Amino acid sequence: MTRSYQQDLEALKTILQRQLTYQYLGMIGSQKRIATVYRELQQFGILPELFKPIHAPIGLDIGALTPEEIAVSIGAELIQVRRKSSYVR
């Protein structure tokens, strides 16, 4: 989503509170950052079950390390969602 977890928080809060429709919603960041955002969303009264469709962290787990590899993992996940594939190795 964004560089700042505060901006992620505001964007997610808006989307989840207004129950906007989306095909893909993802958040980049560490597990700690994601947990912090989810915890703060709950403090705003947003139910945890609304977090289930969020892809966090974004990208398929392919062991990506470099920015280029991370971009490939994100692109691959976008294709997976678009094609409605559930392939898991």
C-alpha atoms as a PDB file:
ATOM      1  CA  MET A   1       0.000   0.000   0.000  1.00  0.00           C
ATOM      2  CA  THR A   2       2.087   2.946   1.223  1.00  0.00           C
ATOM      3  CA  ARG A   3       5.441   3.717   2.806  1.00  0.00           C
ATOM      4  CA  SER A   4       3.962   4.766   6.124  1.00  0.00           C
ATOM      5  CA  TYR A   5       1.992   2.462   8.375  1.00  0.00           C
ATOM      6  CA  GLN A   6      -0.104   5.488   9.412  1.00  0.00           C
ATOM      7  CA  GLN A   7      -1.142   5.962   5.784  1.00  0.00           C
ATOM      8  CA  ASP A   8      -1.845   2.223   5.482  1.00  0.00           C
ATOM      9  CA  LEU A   9      -3.971   2.463   8.601  1.00  0.00           C
ATOM     10  CA  GLU A  10      -6.018   5.382   7.256  1.00  0.00           C
ATOM     11  CA  ALA A  11      -6.476   3.755   3.832  1.00  0.00           C
ATOM     12  CA  LEU A  12      -7.563   0.423   5.298  1.00  0.00           C
ATOM     13  CA  LYS A  13      -9.840   2.118   7.814  1.00  0.00           C
ATOM     14  CA  THR A  14     -11.608   3.993   5.015  1.00  0.00           C
ATOM     15  CA  ILE A  15     -11.976   0.922   2.801  1.00  0.00           C
ATOM     16  CA  LEU A  16     -13.142  -1.386   5.589  1.00  0.00           C
ATOM     17  CA  GLN A  17     -15.517   1.084   7.256  1.00  0.00           C
ATOM     18  CA  ARG A  18     -17.226   1.921   3.964  1.00  0.00           C
ATOM     19  CA  GLN A  19     -17.283  -1.715   2.874  1.00  0.00           C
ATOM     20  CA  LEU A  20     -15.891  -0.786  -0.534  1.00  0.00           C
ATOM     21  CA  THR A  21     -15.529  -3.560  -3.070  1.00  0.00           C
ATOM     22  CA  TYR A  22     -12.116  -4.480  -4.363  1.00  0.00           C
ATOM     23  CA  GLN A  23     -10.565  -7.325  -6.288  1.00  0.00           C
ATOM     24  CA  TYR A  24      -7.213  -7.162  -4.514  1.00  0.00           C
ATOM     25  CA  LEU A  25      -6.166  -5.399  -1.354  1.00  0.00           C
ATOM     26  CA  GLY A  26      -2.655  -5.877  -0.082  1.00  0.00           C
ATOM     27  CA  MET A  27      -0.302  -4.414   2.441  1.00  0.00           C
ATOM     28  CA  ILE A  28       3.468  -4.523   2.246  1.00  0.00           C
ATOM     29  CA  GLY A  29       5.510  -4.784   5.399  1.00  0.00           C
ATOM     30  CA  SER A  30       6.769  -6.979   8.152  1.00  0.00           C
ATOM     31  CA  GLN A  31       4.549  -9.199  10.266  1.00  0.00           C
ATOM     32  CA  LYS A  32       5.112  -6.724  13.127  1.00  0.00           C
ATOM     33  CA  ARG A  33       3.893  -3.769  11.040  1.00  0.00           C
ATOM     34  CA  ILE A  34       0.867  -5.724   9.818  1.00  0.00           C
ATOM     35  CA  ALA A  35      -0.011  -6.784  13.379  1.00  0.00           C
ATOM     36  CA  THR A  36       0.281  -3.156  14.530  1.00  0.00           C
ATOM     37  CA  VAL A  37      -2.057  -1.938  11.787  1.00  0.00           C
ATOM     38  CA  TYR A  38      -4.594  -4.700  12.522  1.00  0.00           C
ATOM     39  CA  ARG A  39      -4.456  -3.993  16.264  1.00  0.00           C
ATOM     40  CA  GLU A  40      -5.072  -0.283  15.695  1.00  0.00           C
ATOM     41  CA  LEU A  41      -7.921  -1.010  13.264  1.00  0.00           C
ATOM     42  CA  GLN A  42      -9.573  -3.094  15.985  1.00  0.00           C
ATOM     43  CA  GLN A  43      -9.272  -0.113  18.340  1.00  0.00           C
ATOM     44  CA  PHE A  44     -11.358   1.831  15.789  1.00  0.00           C
ATOM     45  CA  GLY A  45     -14.013  -0.892  16.077  1.00  0.00           C
ATOM     46  CA  ILE A  46     -13.222  -2.748  12.870  1.00  0.00           C
ATOM     47  CA  LEU A  47     -13.869  -6.460  13.250  1.00  0.00           C
ATOM     48  CA  PRO A  48     -10.896  -8.813  12.703  1.00  0.00           C
ATOM     49  CA  GLU A  49     -12.866 -10.990  10.249  1.00  0.00           C
ATOM     50  CA  LEU A  50     -12.714  -8.068   7.811  1.00  0.00           C
ATOM     51  CA  PHE A  51      -8.925  -8.532   7.636  1.00  0.00           C
ATOM     52  CA  LYS A  52      -9.203 -12.034   6.156  1.00  0.00           C
ATOM     53  CA  PRO A  53      -9.324 -11.003   2.453  1.00  0.00           C
ATOM     54  CA  ILE A  54      -6.342  -8.650   2.841  1.00  0.00           C
ATOM     55  CA  HIS A  55      -3.131  -9.985   1.315  1.00  0.00           C
ATOM     56  CA  ALA A  56      -0.504  -9.212   3.923  1.00  0.00           C
ATOM     57  CA  PRO A  57       2.318  -9.237   3.413  1.00  0.00           C
ATOM     58  CA  ILE A  58       1.809  -8.939  -0.325  1.00  0.00           C
ATOM     59  CA  GLY A  59       3.545 -11.257  -2.742  1.00  0.00           C
ATOM     60  CA  LEU A  60       3.946 -15.003  -2.998  1.00  0.00           C
ATOM     61  CA  ASP A  61       6.452 -16.558  -0.641  1.00  0.00           C
ATOM     62  CA  ILE A  62       9.231 -17.366  -3.103  1.00  0.00           C
ATOM     63  CA  GLY A  63      12.103 -16.348  -0.841  1.00  0.00           C
ATOM     64  CA  ALA A  64      12.459 -12.959  -2.533  1.00  0.00           C
ATOM     65  CA  LEU A  65      15.180 -10.696  -1.147  1.00  0.00           C
ATOM     66  CA  THR A  66      15.965  -7.996  -3.698  1.00  0.00           C
ATOM     67  CA  PRO A  67      13.525  -5.294  -4.817  1.00  0.00           C
ATOM     68  CA  GLU A  68      13.349  -6.981  -8.224  1.00  0.00           C
ATOM     69  CA  GLU A  69      12.524 -10.363  -6.703  1.00  0.00           C
ATOM     70  CA  ILE A  70       9.913  -8.795  -4.429  1.00  0.00           C
ATOM     71  CA  ALA A  71       8.329  -7.144  -7.473  1.00  0.00           C
ATOM     72  CA  VAL A  72       8.162 -10.538  -9.204  1.00  0.00           C
ATOM     73  CA  SER A  73       6.533 -12.114  -6.129  1.00  0.00           C
ATOM     74  CA  ILE A  74       3.919  -9.334  -6.008  1.00  0.00           C
ATOM     75  CA  GLY A  75       3.242  -9.602  -9.732  1.00  0.00           C
ATOM     76  CA  ALA A  76       2.866 -13.365  -9.399  1.00  0.00           C
ATOM     77  CA  GLU A  77       0.340 -12.956  -6.602  1.00  0.00           C
ATOM     78  CA  LEU A  78      -1.644 -10.451  -8.657  1.00  0.00           C
ATOM     79  CA  ILE A  79      -1.801 -12.984 -11.501  1.00  0.00           C
ATOM     80  CA  GLN A  80      -2.811 -15.712  -9.069  1.00  0.00           C
ATOM     81  CA  VAL A  81      -5.679 -13.590  -7.729  1.00  0.00           C
ATOM     82  CA  ARG A  82      -6.769 -12.481 -11.201  1.00  0.00           C
ATOM     83  CA  ARG A  83      -6.857 -16.064 -12.472  1.00  0.00           C
ATOM     84  CA  LYS A  84      -8.490 -17.234  -9.249  1.00  0.00           C
ATOM     85  CA  SER A  85      -5.819 -19.882  -8.846  1.00  0.00           C
ATOM     86  CA  SER A  86      -5.357 -21.595  -5.523  1.00  0.00           C
ATOM     87  CA  TYR A  87      -2.084 -23.287  -6.413  1.00  0.00           C
ATOM     88  CA  VAL A  88       0.011 -23.902  -3.330  1.00  0.00           C
ATOM     89  CA  ARG A  89       3.134 -25.956  -3.396  1.00  0.00           C
END
